[in-house]
Protein backbone atom coordinates (compact mmCIF):
# COMPACT_ATOMS: atom_id res chain seq x y z
CA MET A 1 0.04 -0.07 -0.02
CA THR A 2 1.89 2.97 -1.28
CA ASP A 3 0.94 6.54 -0.32
CA GLN A 4 0.49 9.10 -3.16
CA SER A 5 2.49 12.36 -2.93
CA VAL A 6 0.02 15.25 -3.75
CA THR A 7 -0.44 18.92 -2.76
CA MET A 8 -3.71 20.20 -1.19
CA ASP A 9 -5.01 22.25 1.56
CA GLY A 10 -5.85 21.05 5.08
CA ASN A 11 -9.66 21.06 4.56
CA THR A 12 -9.31 18.80 1.50
CA ALA A 13 -6.89 16.51 3.31
CA VAL A 14 -9.37 16.06 6.15
CA ALA A 15 -12.45 15.76 3.98
CA HIS A 16 -10.69 12.98 1.85
CA ILE A 17 -10.79 10.76 4.97
CA ALA A 18 -14.12 11.80 6.45
CA TYR A 19 -16.08 11.23 3.32
CA ARG A 20 -14.56 7.72 2.83
CA VAL A 21 -15.39 6.42 6.44
CA ASN A 22 -18.97 7.72 6.75
CA GLU A 23 -22.22 7.06 5.30
CA VAL A 24 -24.01 10.38 6.13
CA CYS A 25 -22.64 13.86 6.24
CA ALA A 26 -24.97 16.47 7.78
CA ILE A 27 -23.72 19.87 6.69
CA TYR A 28 -24.25 23.60 7.00
CA PRO A 29 -21.04 25.35 5.69
CA ILE A 30 -19.33 27.94 7.83
CA THR A 31 -15.90 29.64 7.39
CA PRO A 32 -13.16 28.31 7.51
CA SER A 33 -14.60 24.73 7.52
CA SER A 34 -16.81 25.32 4.41
CA THR A 35 -14.58 23.54 1.94
CA MET A 36 -15.00 20.25 3.75
CA ALA A 37 -18.72 20.37 3.45
CA GLU A 38 -18.66 21.57 -0.08
CA LEU A 39 -16.34 18.75 -1.18
CA ALA A 40 -18.46 16.10 0.47
CA ASP A 41 -21.49 17.50 -1.36
CA ALA A 42 -19.78 17.52 -4.69
CA TRP A 43 -18.32 14.06 -4.28
CA SER A 44 -21.71 12.71 -3.37
CA ASP A 45 -23.30 14.31 -6.50
CA GLN A 46 -20.43 12.70 -8.47
CA GLY A 47 -21.18 9.33 -7.13
CA LEU A 48 -17.82 8.92 -5.37
CA ARG A 49 -17.95 5.81 -3.07
CA ASN A 50 -16.73 5.34 0.48
CA ILE A 51 -14.62 2.46 1.47
CA TRP A 52 -17.69 0.17 1.80
CA GLY A 53 -18.70 0.87 -1.87
CA SER A 54 -21.74 3.06 -1.09
CA VAL A 55 -22.27 6.72 -1.87
CA PRO A 56 -22.58 8.79 1.37
CA VAL A 57 -25.74 10.86 1.87
CA VAL A 58 -24.94 14.51 2.24
CA GLN A 59 -27.82 16.57 3.73
CA GLU A 60 -27.54 20.35 4.06
CA MET A 61 -29.67 21.63 6.92
CA GLN A 62 -31.12 25.03 7.69
CA ALA A 63 -28.43 25.81 10.35
CA GLU A 64 -25.72 24.13 12.37
CA GLY A 65 -28.15 23.27 15.12
CA GLY A 66 -30.11 21.36 12.53
CA ALA A 67 -26.99 19.72 11.33
CA ALA A 68 -26.13 18.48 14.79
CA GLY A 69 -29.65 17.21 15.25
CA CYS A 70 -29.43 15.35 12.03
CA VAL A 71 -26.15 13.81 13.08
CA HIS A 72 -27.67 12.77 16.32
CA GLY A 73 -30.70 11.18 14.79
CA SER A 74 -28.57 9.52 12.05
CA LEU A 75 -26.27 7.98 14.63
CA GLN A 76 -29.25 6.62 16.55
CA THR A 77 -30.07 4.52 13.40
CA GLY A 78 -26.68 3.02 13.45
CA ALA A 79 -25.30 4.89 10.49
CA LEU A 80 -21.67 6.17 10.53
CA THR A 81 -22.22 9.99 10.47
CA THR A 82 -20.16 13.11 10.59
CA THR A 83 -20.26 16.92 10.26
CA PHE A 84 -17.89 19.84 9.64
CA THR A 85 -18.09 23.13 11.44
CA ALA A 86 -16.26 25.96 13.31
CA SER A 87 -16.92 28.81 15.78
CA GLN A 88 -20.56 29.90 16.22
CA GLY A 89 -21.60 26.78 14.24
CA LEU A 90 -20.01 24.51 16.86
CA MET A 91 -21.65 26.60 19.61
CA LEU A 92 -25.11 25.79 18.14
CA MET A 93 -24.23 22.06 18.18
CA ILE A 94 -23.51 21.96 21.97
CA PRO A 95 -26.85 20.66 23.18
CA ASN A 96 -26.76 17.71 20.79
CA MET A 97 -23.14 17.15 21.60
CA PHE A 98 -23.82 16.58 25.28
CA LYS A 99 -26.57 14.05 24.27
CA ILE A 100 -24.24 12.27 21.67
CA ALA A 101 -21.36 11.96 24.31
CA GLY A 102 -23.79 11.13 27.14
CA GLU A 103 -25.06 8.24 25.10
CA LEU A 104 -21.62 7.04 24.27
CA THR A 105 -22.10 7.27 20.50
CA SER A 106 -19.26 6.94 18.06
CA THR A 107 -18.76 9.97 15.67
CA VAL A 108 -16.09 12.44 14.66
CA PHE A 109 -16.90 16.16 14.19
CA HIS A 110 -14.18 17.80 11.95
CA VAL A 111 -13.60 21.43 13.10
CA ALA A 112 -11.46 24.23 11.37
CA ALA A 113 -10.94 25.94 14.79
CA ARG A 114 -12.03 29.56 14.82
CA ALA A 115 -12.53 32.60 17.11
CA LEU A 116 -15.80 33.15 18.76
CA ALA A 117 -17.84 36.45 18.65
CA ALA A 118 -17.05 38.28 21.76
CA GLY A 119 -16.46 42.10 21.75
CA ALA A 120 -16.17 41.70 18.02
CA SER A 121 -16.73 38.89 15.60
CA SER A 122 -13.97 37.26 13.49
CA ILE A 123 -13.81 34.60 10.75
CA PHE A 124 -10.14 33.80 11.63
CA GLY A 125 -8.61 31.00 13.60
CA ASP A 126 -7.78 30.24 17.12
CA HIS A 127 -8.90 27.68 19.84
CA GLN A 128 -11.82 29.64 21.41
CA ASP A 129 -14.50 27.32 19.96
CA ILE A 130 -12.59 24.07 20.91
CA MET A 131 -12.19 25.30 24.47
CA ALA A 132 -15.81 26.22 24.73
CA VAL A 133 -16.87 22.64 24.16
CA ARG A 134 -14.30 20.85 26.29
CA THR A 135 -17.00 19.96 28.81
CA THR A 136 -19.40 18.20 26.37
CA GLY A 137 -17.68 14.81 26.74
CA PHE A 138 -16.28 14.76 23.40
CA ALA A 139 -12.63 13.75 22.99
CA ILE A 140 -10.59 16.33 21.39
CA LEU A 141 -7.70 15.49 18.93
CA GLY A 142 -5.70 18.33 17.46
CA ALA A 143 -3.48 18.44 14.30
CA GLY A 144 -0.60 20.81 13.64
CA THR A 145 0.03 20.25 9.85
CA VAL A 146 -1.85 19.42 6.65
CA GLN A 147 -0.32 15.88 6.92
CA GLU A 148 -1.37 15.52 10.51
CA GLY A 149 -5.00 16.69 9.74
CA HIS A 150 -5.17 14.03 7.08
CA ASP A 151 -3.66 11.27 9.16
CA LEU A 152 -5.40 12.05 12.50
CA ALA A 153 -8.71 12.28 10.83
CA LEU A 154 -8.39 8.57 10.22
CA ILE A 155 -7.00 7.78 13.67
CA ALA A 156 -9.88 9.67 15.27
CA GLN A 157 -12.35 7.61 13.33
CA ALA A 158 -10.64 4.33 14.31
CA SER A 159 -10.48 5.52 17.91
CA THR A 160 -14.11 6.58 18.24
CA LEU A 161 -15.38 3.35 17.08
CA ALA A 162 -13.14 1.41 19.58
CA ALA A 163 -13.84 3.80 22.55
CA ARG A 164 -17.62 4.71 21.89
CA VAL A 165 -16.57 8.23 22.85
CA PRO A 166 -17.24 10.85 20.25
CA PHE A 167 -14.40 12.90 18.94
CA ILE A 168 -13.69 16.45 17.80
CA HIS A 169 -10.77 16.37 15.28
CA PHE A 170 -9.58 19.91 14.70
CA THR A 171 -7.04 21.90 12.65
CA ASP A 172 -6.26 25.50 13.05
CA GLY A 173 -8.67 27.67 11.00
CA PHE A 174 -7.10 29.22 7.91
CA ARG A 175 -3.54 28.53 9.19
CA THR A 176 -3.93 24.80 8.56
CA SER A 177 -7.31 24.44 7.01
CA HIS A 178 -6.33 26.75 4.12
CA GLU A 179 -2.56 26.07 3.76
CA TYR A 180 -1.48 24.25 0.80
CA ASN A 181 1.38 21.84 1.42
CA GLY A 182 2.60 18.39 0.16
CA LEU A 183 1.34 15.37 1.82
CA HIS A 184 1.29 11.55 1.46
CA LEU A 185 -2.29 10.78 0.57
CA LEU A 186 -3.67 7.61 2.20
CA PRO A 187 -4.93 4.99 -0.30
CA ASP A 188 -8.34 3.44 0.34
CA GLU A 189 -6.60 0.16 1.15
CA THR A 190 -4.85 1.83 4.15
CA ILE A 191 -7.98 3.54 5.18
CA ARG A 192 -9.92 0.30 5.06
CA ALA A 193 -7.20 -1.50 7.11
CA MET A 194 -7.59 1.05 10.00
CA ILE A 195 -11.42 0.56 10.30
CA ASP A 196 -12.50 -2.56 12.24
CA ASP A 197 -15.56 -3.99 10.63
CA LYS A 198 -16.51 -5.60 13.94
CA LEU A 199 -16.55 -2.30 15.65
CA VAL A 200 -18.60 -1.00 12.66
CA LEU A 201 -21.09 -3.77 13.18
CA ALA A 202 -21.20 -3.09 16.88
CA HIS A 203 -22.09 0.58 16.12
CA ARG A 204 -24.93 -0.54 13.82
CA LYS A 205 -26.26 -2.99 16.47
CA ARG A 206 -26.63 -0.13 18.91
CA GLY A 207 -28.94 1.65 16.48
CA LEU A 208 -32.54 2.02 17.53
CA SER A 209 -35.14 -0.09 15.44
CA PRO A 210 -38.26 -1.90 16.05
CA GLU A 211 -36.29 -5.14 15.66
CA ASN A 212 -33.81 -3.97 18.47
CA PRO A 213 -35.91 -2.22 21.05
CA PHE A 214 -33.90 -0.24 23.62
CA ILE A 215 -34.57 2.64 26.09
CA ARG A 216 -32.30 5.60 25.42
CA GLY A 217 -32.39 9.30 26.25
CA THR A 218 -34.67 8.91 29.41
CA TRP A 219 -35.03 11.35 32.29
CA HIS A 220 -33.48 10.62 35.79
CA ASN A 221 -34.37 11.84 39.20
CA PRO A 222 -31.87 12.65 41.92
CA ASP A 223 -31.88 9.05 43.12
CA THR A 224 -30.15 7.80 39.93
CA TYR A 225 -28.74 10.69 37.82
CA PHE A 226 -25.43 11.07 39.78
CA GLN A 227 -24.61 7.38 39.51
CA SER A 228 -25.54 7.27 35.83
CA ARG A 229 -23.35 10.32 35.03
CA GLU A 230 -20.35 8.75 36.70
CA SER A 231 -20.87 5.37 34.86
CA VAL A 232 -19.09 6.76 31.76
CA ASN A 233 -15.72 6.98 33.65
CA PRO A 234 -14.23 3.67 32.48
CA PHE A 235 -14.90 4.61 28.77
CA TYR A 236 -13.05 7.83 29.12
CA GLU A 237 -10.17 6.15 31.12
CA ARG A 238 -9.53 3.73 28.21
CA VAL A 239 -9.43 6.60 25.50
CA PRO A 240 -5.79 7.56 25.59
CA ASP A 241 -4.56 4.04 25.37
CA ILE A 242 -7.10 3.32 22.50
CA VAL A 243 -5.92 6.38 20.50
CA GLN A 244 -2.23 5.44 21.06
CA SER A 245 -3.13 1.96 19.99
CA ALA A 246 -4.68 3.44 16.79
CA MET A 247 -1.65 5.65 16.31
CA ASP A 248 0.55 2.52 16.59
CA ARG A 249 -1.51 0.59 14.11
CA PHE A 250 -1.41 3.43 11.70
CA ALA A 251 2.53 3.56 12.01
CA SER A 252 2.66 -0.10 11.00
CA LEU A 253 0.72 0.70 7.88
CA THR A 254 2.33 3.91 6.88
CA GLY A 255 5.59 4.41 8.71
CA ARG A 256 4.38 7.63 10.31
CA GLN A 257 4.40 7.34 14.16
CA TYR A 258 2.29 9.60 16.19
CA GLN A 259 2.02 10.03 20.01
CA LEU A 260 -0.43 11.59 22.20
CA PHE A 261 2.24 14.16 23.30
CA ARG A 262 5.19 14.76 20.95
CA TYR A 263 8.40 15.97 22.58
CA GLU A 264 11.25 17.36 20.64
CA GLY A 265 14.41 19.06 21.72
CA ALA A 266 17.24 18.55 24.17
CA PRO A 267 16.88 15.31 26.15
CA ASP A 268 18.00 17.12 29.31
CA ALA A 269 15.92 20.31 28.55
CA GLU A 270 15.57 22.85 31.38
CA ARG A 271 13.08 25.06 29.52
CA VAL A 272 10.05 23.60 27.72
CA VAL A 273 7.17 25.11 25.95
CA VAL A 274 3.80 23.25 25.79
CA CYS A 275 1.29 24.03 23.18
CA MET A 276 -1.01 22.41 20.41
CA GLY A 277 -2.01 22.96 16.71
CA SER A 278 0.14 24.76 14.25
CA GLY A 279 1.90 26.77 16.97
CA ALA A 280 3.71 23.79 18.05
CA GLU A 281 5.41 23.62 14.57
CA VAL A 282 6.68 27.20 15.02
CA VAL A 283 8.04 26.46 18.47
CA ARG A 284 9.51 23.22 17.36
CA GLU A 285 11.66 24.82 14.55
CA SER A 286 12.65 27.60 17.06
CA ALA A 287 13.64 25.06 19.59
CA LYS A 288 15.79 23.25 17.02
CA TRP A 289 17.62 26.37 16.15
CA LEU A 290 18.19 27.22 19.94
CA CYS A 291 19.46 23.67 20.57
CA GLN A 292 22.00 24.10 17.85
CA LYS A 293 23.20 27.07 19.69
CA GLY A 294 23.69 25.03 22.78
CA GLN A 295 20.52 25.92 24.76
CA LYS A 296 18.76 23.08 26.69
CA VAL A 297 15.18 23.73 25.41
CA GLY A 298 12.31 21.68 24.05
CA VAL A 299 8.69 21.73 22.98
CA LEU A 300 5.90 19.37 23.95
CA GLN A 301 3.03 19.20 21.45
CA VAL A 302 -0.37 18.16 22.83
CA ARG A 303 -2.40 16.13 20.30
CA LEU A 304 -4.99 14.44 22.54
CA PHE A 305 -6.32 17.32 24.67
CA ARG A 306 -9.39 15.50 26.07
CA PRO A 307 -9.25 13.16 27.84
CA PHE A 308 -6.01 14.70 29.07
CA SER A 309 -3.71 11.69 30.07
CA ALA A 310 -1.43 12.66 32.94
CA LYS A 311 0.39 9.47 32.56
CA HIS A 312 1.37 10.02 28.97
CA PHE A 313 2.15 13.66 29.51
CA LEU A 314 4.56 13.12 32.36
CA GLU A 315 6.30 10.23 30.38
CA ALA A 316 6.89 12.60 27.51
CA LEU A 317 8.12 15.58 29.61
CA PRO A 318 11.84 15.56 30.26
CA LYS A 319 12.46 15.09 34.07
CA SER A 320 15.13 17.67 33.91
CA VAL A 321 12.80 20.54 33.18
CA LYS A 322 12.97 23.59 35.52
CA SER A 323 10.57 26.04 33.87
CA ILE A 324 7.58 25.55 31.47
CA ALA A 325 5.60 27.97 29.47
CA VAL A 326 2.12 26.75 28.29
CA LEU A 327 0.84 28.62 25.26
CA ASP A 328 -2.95 28.85 24.86
CA ARG A 329 -4.71 30.08 21.61
CA THR A 330 -7.65 31.24 23.46
CA LYS A 331 -8.97 33.80 26.07
CA GLU A 332 -11.00 32.83 29.13
CA PRO A 333 -11.74 36.05 30.84
CA GLY A 334 -11.91 35.84 34.62
CA ALA A 335 -10.25 32.54 34.90
CA PRO A 336 -6.96 32.22 37.00
CA MET A 337 -5.27 30.64 33.94
CA GLU A 338 -6.25 29.51 30.46
CA PRO A 339 -7.42 25.80 29.92
CA LEU A 340 -4.16 24.16 28.74
CA HIS A 341 -2.22 26.05 31.32
CA ALA A 342 -4.48 24.81 34.06
CA ASP A 343 -4.34 21.24 32.91
CA VAL A 344 -0.56 21.25 32.84
CA VAL A 345 -0.33 22.80 36.32
CA GLY A 346 -2.83 20.32 37.75
CA VAL A 347 -1.16 17.34 36.22
CA LEU A 348 2.34 18.34 37.37
CA ALA A 349 1.08 19.05 40.95
CA GLU A 350 -0.51 15.72 41.16
CA GLY A 351 2.51 14.05 39.69
CA VAL A 352 4.86 15.48 42.08
CA GLY A 353 2.55 14.76 44.97
CA GLU A 354 2.25 11.07 44.04
CA GLY A 355 5.96 10.74 43.14
CA THR A 356 5.56 10.11 39.44
CA PHE A 357 7.46 13.36 38.57
CA PRO A 358 10.62 14.34 40.46
CA GLN A 359 10.03 18.11 41.05
CA MET A 360 7.62 20.88 40.44
CA PRO A 361 8.94 23.28 37.84
CA ARG A 362 8.02 26.87 37.50
CA VAL A 363 5.02 27.03 35.19
CA ILE A 364 3.93 30.24 33.41
CA GLY A 365 1.14 30.63 30.80
CA GLY A 366 0.55 32.90 27.89
CA ARG A 367 -1.74 33.73 24.97
CA TYR A 368 -0.93 33.92 21.36
CA GLY A 369 -2.38 33.81 17.91
CA LEU A 370 -6.03 34.86 18.53
CA SER A 371 -8.05 35.52 15.29
CA SER A 372 -5.11 34.20 13.22
CA LYS A 373 -2.70 36.81 14.65
CA ASP A 374 0.71 35.61 13.18
CA PHE A 375 2.88 33.60 15.46
CA ASN A 376 6.46 33.33 14.18
CA PRO A 377 9.86 32.00 15.47
CA ALA A 378 10.83 35.56 16.82
CA MET A 379 7.87 35.26 19.17
CA ALA A 380 8.53 31.57 20.07
CA ARG A 381 12.15 32.64 20.92
CA ALA A 382 10.89 35.41 23.05
CA VAL A 383 8.90 32.82 25.12
CA PHE A 384 12.04 30.73 25.61
CA ASP A 385 13.98 33.75 26.57
CA GLU A 386 11.34 34.75 29.12
CA LEU A 387 11.57 31.32 30.70
CA ALA A 388 15.37 32.01 31.26
CA LYS A 389 14.65 35.09 33.46
CA PRO A 390 14.78 34.75 37.36
CA SER A 391 11.12 36.07 37.47
CA PRO A 392 9.41 35.32 34.16
CA LYS A 393 6.21 37.06 33.34
CA ASN A 394 3.04 34.90 34.01
CA ARG A 395 -0.27 35.30 31.97
CA PHE A 396 1.61 37.02 29.15
CA THR A 397 0.72 37.70 25.65
CA VAL A 398 3.01 37.48 22.61
CA GLY A 399 2.49 38.84 19.07
CA ILE A 400 0.78 42.07 20.13
CA LEU A 401 1.66 45.30 21.87
CA ASP A 402 -0.48 45.41 24.98
CA ASP A 403 0.01 49.02 26.02
CA VAL A 404 -3.12 48.81 28.30
CA GLY A 405 -2.49 45.73 30.48
CA GLN A 406 1.25 45.50 29.88
CA THR A 407 1.08 41.68 29.38
CA SER A 408 3.06 41.62 26.12
CA LEU A 409 6.53 40.16 25.59
CA THR A 410 8.94 42.09 23.36
CA TYR A 411 10.67 40.18 20.49
CA ASP A 412 13.13 40.86 17.76
CA GLU A 413 11.23 41.35 14.54
CA ASN A 414 14.26 40.61 12.33
CA PHE A 415 14.92 37.17 13.83
CA ASP A 416 14.90 34.62 11.09
CA ILE A 417 15.57 30.95 11.09
CA GLU A 418 14.36 29.82 7.76
CA PRO A 419 16.94 27.59 5.99
CA GLU A 420 18.92 28.80 3.05
CA GLY A 421 17.64 27.44 -0.26
CA THR A 422 13.94 28.18 0.70
CA VAL A 423 12.70 30.70 -1.83
CA ARG A 424 10.00 33.10 -0.25
CA CYS A 425 7.56 34.93 -2.49
CA LEU A 426 4.79 37.46 -1.67
CA PHE A 427 1.98 38.22 -4.00
CA TYR A 428 -0.54 41.01 -3.30
CA GLY A 429 -3.85 40.72 -5.11
CA LEU A 430 -7.41 41.61 -5.14
CA GLY A 431 -10.06 39.09 -4.10
CA ALA A 432 -11.46 37.28 -7.21
CA ASP A 433 -8.70 38.60 -9.54
CA GLY A 434 -7.29 35.08 -9.74
CA THR A 435 -4.12 35.74 -7.76
CA VAL A 436 -4.85 33.04 -5.14
CA GLY A 437 -5.87 30.48 -7.77
CA ALA A 438 -2.78 31.13 -9.69
CA ASN A 439 -0.53 30.56 -6.65
CA LYS A 440 -2.30 27.43 -5.87
CA ASN A 441 -1.48 26.21 -9.25
CA SER A 442 2.13 27.41 -8.90
CA VAL A 443 2.53 25.39 -5.74
CA LYS A 444 1.01 22.29 -7.40
CA ILE A 445 3.55 22.73 -10.46
CA LEU A 446 6.42 23.20 -8.18
CA SER A 447 5.72 20.58 -5.69
CA GLY A 448 5.08 18.06 -8.60
CA LYS A 449 8.78 18.28 -9.64
CA PRO A 450 10.89 15.46 -8.10
CA GLY A 451 12.75 16.71 -5.18
CA TRP A 452 10.87 19.92 -4.81
CA PHE A 453 8.61 21.05 -1.94
CA ALA A 454 6.21 23.98 -1.83
CA GLN A 455 3.88 25.65 0.50
CA ALA A 456 1.17 28.44 0.12
CA TYR A 457 -0.86 30.31 2.61
CA PHE A 458 -3.36 33.00 1.68
CA ASP A 459 -3.77 35.96 4.12
CA TYR A 460 -7.30 36.94 3.24
CA ASP A 461 -9.21 40.12 4.04
CA SER A 462 -12.50 39.29 5.69
CA HIS A 463 -14.29 40.90 2.81
CA LYS A 464 -13.16 37.99 0.74
CA SER A 465 -14.24 38.76 -2.90
CA GLY A 466 -13.06 42.28 -3.56
CA GLY A 467 -10.90 42.51 -0.45
CA GLN A 468 -7.01 42.40 -0.33
CA THR A 469 -5.18 39.11 -0.47
CA ALA A 470 -1.61 38.34 0.32
CA SER A 471 -0.27 35.04 -1.06
CA HIS A 472 2.69 33.63 0.89
CA VAL A 473 4.49 31.11 -1.20
CA ARG A 474 7.50 29.13 -0.22
CA PHE A 475 9.43 26.46 -2.16
CA GLY A 476 12.75 24.63 -1.99
CA LYS A 477 14.55 21.29 -1.90
CA SER A 478 13.60 20.52 1.76
CA PRO A 479 10.28 20.00 3.44
CA ILE A 480 8.69 23.26 4.50
CA ASN A 481 7.52 23.43 8.17
CA ALA A 482 6.80 27.14 8.43
CA PRO A 483 3.17 27.89 9.47
CA TYR A 484 3.74 31.58 9.66
CA LEU A 485 3.64 34.64 7.41
CA ILE A 486 6.73 35.53 5.16
CA ARG A 487 8.70 38.55 6.68
CA HIS A 488 11.82 38.29 4.45
CA ALA A 489 10.81 37.92 0.77
CA ASP A 490 12.91 36.83 -2.16
CA PHE A 491 10.27 37.93 -4.80
CA ILE A 492 7.37 40.34 -4.48
CA ALA A 493 4.63 40.97 -6.94
CA CYS A 494 1.85 43.52 -6.56
CA HIS A 495 -1.12 42.79 -8.75
CA LYS A 496 -2.95 46.03 -7.91
CA PHE A 497 -1.29 49.37 -8.43
CA ASP A 498 -3.38 51.13 -5.71
CA PHE A 499 -2.12 48.83 -3.05
CA LEU A 500 1.10 50.85 -3.06
CA PHE A 501 -0.71 53.62 -1.56
CA ARG A 502 -2.53 51.45 1.16
CA ARG A 503 0.07 49.06 2.54
CA ASP A 504 3.76 48.47 2.90
CA VAL A 505 4.08 46.22 -0.03
CA LEU A 506 7.89 46.29 -0.06
CA GLY A 507 8.51 46.15 3.78
CA ALA A 508 9.39 42.46 3.74
CA ALA A 509 11.69 42.78 0.65
CA ASN A 510 15.22 41.43 0.93
CA ASP A 511 17.88 43.51 -0.73
CA GLY A 512 18.34 42.94 -4.45
CA ILE A 513 15.18 40.95 -5.18
CA SER A 514 12.83 41.27 -8.09
CA PHE A 515 9.68 43.38 -7.64
CA LEU A 516 6.89 42.86 -10.31
CA LEU A 517 4.14 45.52 -10.46
CA ASN A 518 1.00 45.31 -12.50
CA SER A 519 1.00 49.00 -13.70
CA PRO A 520 -1.20 51.16 -15.96
CA TYR A 521 1.99 53.11 -16.55
CA SER A 522 4.92 52.15 -18.76
CA ALA A 523 8.45 51.50 -17.63
CA GLU A 524 9.34 55.08 -18.67
CA GLU A 525 6.37 56.77 -16.93
CA VAL A 526 5.89 54.60 -13.84
CA TRP A 527 8.50 56.10 -11.59
CA ASP A 528 6.83 59.39 -11.24
CA HIS A 529 3.53 57.84 -10.24
CA LEU A 530 5.03 55.77 -7.30
CA PRO A 531 4.61 56.85 -3.71
CA ARG A 532 7.80 58.47 -2.33
CA ASN A 533 8.29 55.62 0.29
CA VAL A 534 8.08 53.03 -2.39
CA GLN A 535 10.68 54.95 -4.47
CA ASP A 536 12.95 55.08 -1.37
CA GLN A 537 12.67 51.35 -0.85
CA ILE A 538 13.32 50.41 -4.39
CA VAL A 539 16.59 52.51 -4.28
CA SER A 540 17.78 51.62 -0.82
CA LYS A 541 17.06 47.87 -1.25
CA LYS A 542 18.54 47.97 -4.78
CA LEU A 543 15.47 46.09 -6.17
CA ARG A 544 15.10 44.78 -9.69
CA PHE A 545 11.86 46.56 -10.72
CA PHE A 546 9.62 45.15 -13.46
CA VAL A 547 6.21 46.48 -14.73
CA ILE A 548 3.60 45.16 -16.95
CA ASP A 549 0.11 46.28 -17.66
CA ALA A 550 -1.53 42.92 -17.10
CA SER A 551 -4.90 44.46 -16.69
CA ASP A 552 -4.84 45.78 -20.27
CA VAL A 553 -3.48 42.49 -21.65
CA ALA A 554 -6.26 40.60 -19.83
CA LEU A 555 -9.02 42.92 -21.20
CA LYS A 556 -7.61 42.49 -24.72
CA LEU A 557 -7.73 38.72 -24.34
CA GLY A 558 -11.28 38.84 -23.04
CA LEU A 559 -10.22 37.73 -19.54
CA GLY A 560 -11.87 40.61 -17.86
CA PRO A 561 -10.28 41.41 -14.42
CA ARG A 562 -8.48 38.05 -14.15
CA VAL A 563 -4.75 38.98 -14.49
CA ASN A 564 -3.69 35.78 -12.81
CA THR A 565 -2.24 33.71 -15.69
CA ILE A 566 -0.36 36.70 -17.08
CA LEU A 567 1.27 37.51 -13.94
CA GLN A 568 1.96 33.83 -13.10
CA THR A 569 3.85 33.58 -16.32
CA CYS A 570 5.85 36.76 -15.49
CA PHE A 571 6.70 35.13 -12.04
CA PHE A 572 8.14 32.01 -13.51
CA HIS A 573 10.06 33.99 -15.97
CA LEU A 574 11.64 36.33 -13.47
CA SER A 575 12.23 33.78 -10.74
CA ASN A 576 14.04 31.37 -12.87
CA VAL A 577 12.58 28.40 -10.98
CA LEU A 578 11.60 26.58 -14.08
CA PRO A 579 12.65 27.06 -17.77
CA PRO A 580 10.18 29.59 -19.33
CA ASP A 581 8.94 27.03 -21.95
CA GLU A 582 8.43 24.41 -19.27
CA ALA A 583 6.61 26.72 -16.93
CA ILE A 584 4.22 27.82 -19.69
CA THR A 585 3.41 24.22 -20.59
CA GLU A 586 2.77 23.44 -16.93
CA ILE A 587 0.39 26.47 -16.58
CA LYS A 588 -1.48 25.34 -19.74
């Protein structure tokens, strides 16, 4: 069973699994999870079959509450059922989630984690929605990369069938759900091998039917409710070992080994950062760099957040640790600490008290990345540096300037650890002008070449169509683990002339790079129409400056406002990534 190397975004990677291991998908699309629901709907219309040879039923409801009700009802018939959601949509599912978990029903909800509406609403990603449902009884399994999202979707499905505990499987909204990266696509034979038909049959037999009468969903009085509520404990106690067993089984089939808690860094680390989701990738790369400089640091990534296994956590944590920073991508106003921070403190205190961990390290907590606020290696290094201080700041923030509460850590904005050989490109475009689509194609072209790797992330404006977009594209000869925005670019293209007056297009430009501008003015005229700060940057950074009136070319060719193919051709010509003739053939 050989995996196929492909390039896709996180949502597609997750939906590829979810569709194949379910019979019913109840949907109501919500950003940033919409792609998963839309793909399932399209595949069902096309007659694509799941691993049992049937075409899943995809039913769109009137709202997320209806989708959750549909899932609950479908599960009660014994059908394998899933849904896809985020943020306020997940909030509308909470009543049904308590029932599904309380009735010990196997299912996986796939979530592109997103901020909740508080003082303001946001379509962008963090862990506020995940943390808001941690009391429902759903197990929570989080992925940090596109590949992990793909793989853990299958591990979650195998685990829920074995445990009878429902699962939330989440990726970071936009940062992972919309990131394009290479992955090893699981063939149906591997997916099939991970799903135990005996467990599927057991799930079916628990379905309600006239032939199988059973009382479920009753009411309890005080004389029985408490005892009944406690009766689920053995099921949850078994979940961590069940998930790890599924991960081990997955490793035997694919060679990719996962752990509930992944530690990486110095074996005798004294400073450790604990986090989950894509932020763990940023901290991991920063820890590697610091270890190479002789520092004793490490990172512990939490994959299984609920149930939180104290045993597995303490086994993964170096016994040498003296100080820990726990990073939460959420905000819980009024709480003494954020949820993951509280879990770590509680587990450590209990471990020290019971003698399963040698000493109680200093534990501080901080918040990062709310609403997709960028979290990069400079910020991760600031957290490690804070841990080295005699009195590190607790309940800190990183990535913002908090001039009100004075919670923020300072960091070196010029700090850069990306390896040489990784080419970093920035493309500024207008929503619906084709820039994003062109860059998705470029990544697929580049990653399709033997020995090449590529990544693309699209920094959208919340206006979507008609709003500003910034495409962050990386490529090179080594795997790219950089879930953060490009701050030091080797190529910049601006597809809308007016953007020069609205944003610092050239702020990230390295010295001597190529700058491509879609300009209504010719090479002879354009200089006098540039803003003064752009002129200064071109001169001081010694940029190679190219212009083309792509809008006029597109209009004459009948392409309307879509300048993407024209400017994509210019990019390949100027970047010398591929021979021009080969690049044009690939684009066609």
